[in-house]
Amino acid sequence: MTGGPERPRLRYLTVAEVAETMRVSKMTVYRLVHNGELPAVRVGRSFRVPQDALDAYLAASSVDRDRMTS
């Protein structure tokens, strides 16, 4: 094909896998997806969340300890 740099394959997670990773219910994950807070791809009747989207969401949502003690 082309001689350009090869992109790494993107991993997609099920709603159940995201819920387990975040330690929340599947309904919470569905709410995040439907509200547009967590990007997802619809596959048939189910959703798949890109691993990098979950990583970005968690990084953006992390709490700074210094702010908690102030």
C-alpha atoms as a PDB file:
ATOM      1  CA  MET A   1       0.000   0.000   0.000  1.00  0.00           C
ATOM      2  CA  THR A   2       1.536   3.334   1.038  1.00  0.00           C
ATOM      3  CA  GLY A   3       4.957   3.793   2.547  1.00  0.00           C
ATOM      4  CA  GLY A   4       3.755   6.200   5.243  1.00  0.00           C
ATOM      5  CA  PRO A   5       3.903   5.599   8.976  1.00  0.00           C
ATOM      6  CA  GLU A   6       1.594   2.892  10.216  1.00  0.00           C
ATOM      7  CA  ARG A   7      -1.132   3.999  12.628  1.00  0.00           C
ATOM      8  CA  PRO A   8      -1.716   1.818  15.683  1.00  0.00           C
ATOM      9  CA  ARG A   9      -4.994  -0.083  15.708  1.00  0.00           C
ATOM     10  CA  LEU A  10      -7.658   1.584  17.785  1.00  0.00           C
ATOM     11  CA  ARG A  11      -9.178  -0.591  20.507  1.00  0.00           C
ATOM     12  CA  TYR A  12     -12.914  -0.350  21.112  1.00  0.00           C
ATOM     13  CA  LEU A  13     -14.497  -1.211  24.455  1.00  0.00           C
ATOM     14  CA  THR A  14     -18.010  -2.408  25.189  1.00  0.00           C
ATOM     15  CA  VAL A  15     -20.230  -0.476  27.571  1.00  0.00           C
ATOM     16  CA  ALA A  16     -19.726  -3.250  30.131  1.00  0.00           C
ATOM     17  CA  GLU A  17     -15.924  -2.964  29.835  1.00  0.00           C
ATOM     18  CA  VAL A  18     -16.083   0.822  30.268  1.00  0.00           C
ATOM     19  CA  ALA A  19     -18.369   0.446  33.283  1.00  0.00           C
ATOM     20  CA  GLU A  20     -16.003  -2.086  34.849  1.00  0.00           C
ATOM     21  CA  THR A  21     -12.971   0.131  34.208  1.00  0.00           C
ATOM     22  CA  MET A  22     -14.692   3.180  35.715  1.00  0.00           C
ATOM     23  CA  ARG A  23     -16.408   1.132  38.454  1.00  0.00           C
ATOM     24  CA  VAL A  24     -19.800   2.568  37.618  1.00  0.00           C
ATOM     25  CA  SER A  25     -23.017   1.051  36.304  1.00  0.00           C
ATOM     26  CA  LYS A  26     -23.646   0.442  32.624  1.00  0.00           C
ATOM     27  CA  MET A  27     -26.501   2.958  32.845  1.00  0.00           C
ATOM     28  CA  THR A  28     -24.009   5.643  33.879  1.00  0.00           C
ATOM     29  CA  VAL A  29     -21.900   4.869  30.808  1.00  0.00           C
ATOM     30  CA  TYR A  30     -24.992   5.007  28.576  1.00  0.00           C
ATOM     31  CA  ARG A  31     -25.853   8.422  30.082  1.00  0.00           C
ATOM     32  CA  LEU A  32     -22.351   9.714  29.364  1.00  0.00           C
ATOM     33  CA  VAL A  33     -22.597   8.476  25.770  1.00  0.00           C
ATOM     34  CA  HIS A  34     -26.091   9.885  25.173  1.00  0.00           C
ATOM     35  CA  ASN A  35     -25.137  13.247  26.716  1.00  0.00           C
ATOM     36  CA  GLY A  36     -22.131  13.453  24.404  1.00  0.00           C
ATOM     37  CA  GLU A  37     -19.635  13.486  27.281  1.00  0.00           C
ATOM     38  CA  LEU A  38     -18.062  10.194  26.183  1.00  0.00           C
ATOM     39  CA  PRO A  39     -17.617   9.605  22.440  1.00  0.00           C
ATOM     40  CA  ALA A  40     -18.869   6.275  21.130  1.00  0.00           C
ATOM     41  CA  VAL A  41     -19.545   4.467  17.890  1.00  0.00           C
ATOM     42  CA  ARG A  42     -22.821   2.696  17.298  1.00  0.00           C
ATOM     43  CA  VAL A  43     -22.452  -0.884  16.045  1.00  0.00           C
ATOM     44  CA  GLY A  44     -25.855  -2.333  15.314  1.00  0.00           C
ATOM     45  CA  ARG A  45     -27.848  -1.845  18.500  1.00  0.00           C
ATOM     46  CA  SER A  46     -24.842  -1.483  20.792  1.00  0.00           C
ATOM     47  CA  PHE A  47     -22.155   1.099  21.449  1.00  0.00           C
ATOM     48  CA  ARG A  48     -18.383   0.833  21.403  1.00  0.00           C
ATOM     49  CA  VAL A  49     -16.152   3.386  23.102  1.00  0.00           C
ATOM     50  CA  PRO A  50     -12.659   4.004  21.697  1.00  0.00           C
ATOM     51  CA  GLN A  51      -9.990   3.290  24.328  1.00  0.00           C
ATOM     52  CA  ASP A  52      -8.297   6.635  23.672  1.00  0.00           C
ATOM     53  CA  ALA A  53     -11.626   8.458  24.190  1.00  0.00           C
ATOM     54  CA  LEU A  54     -12.046   6.776  27.574  1.00  0.00           C
ATOM     55  CA  ASP A  55      -8.448   7.616  28.506  1.00  0.00           C
ATOM     56  CA  ALA A  56      -8.989  11.263  27.525  1.00  0.00           C
ATOM     57  CA  TYR A  57     -12.279  11.449  29.447  1.00  0.00           C
ATOM     58  CA  LEU A  58     -10.686  10.046  32.590  1.00  0.00           C
ATOM     59  CA  ALA A  59      -7.660  12.344  32.282  1.00  0.00           C
ATOM     60  CA  ALA A  60      -9.911  15.389  31.865  1.00  0.00           C
ATOM     61  CA  SER A  61     -12.105  14.289  34.778  1.00  0.00           C
ATOM     62  CA  SER A  62      -9.300  13.570  37.229  1.00  0.00           C
ATOM     63  CA  VAL A  63      -9.316  15.643  40.388  1.00  0.00           C
ATOM     64  CA  ASP A  64      -6.265  17.646  41.378  1.00  0.00           C
ATOM     65  CA  ARG A  65      -5.391  16.743  44.994  1.00  0.00           C
ATOM     66  CA  ASP A  66      -4.103  20.269  45.693  1.00  0.00           C
ATOM     67  CA  ARG A  67      -7.527  21.706  44.876  1.00  0.00           C
ATOM     68  CA  MET A  68      -9.226  19.261  47.239  1.00  0.00           C
ATOM     69  CA  THR A  69      -7.142  20.379  50.240  1.00  0.00           C
ATOM     70  CA  SER A  70      -7.529  24.109  49.589  1.00  0.00           C
END
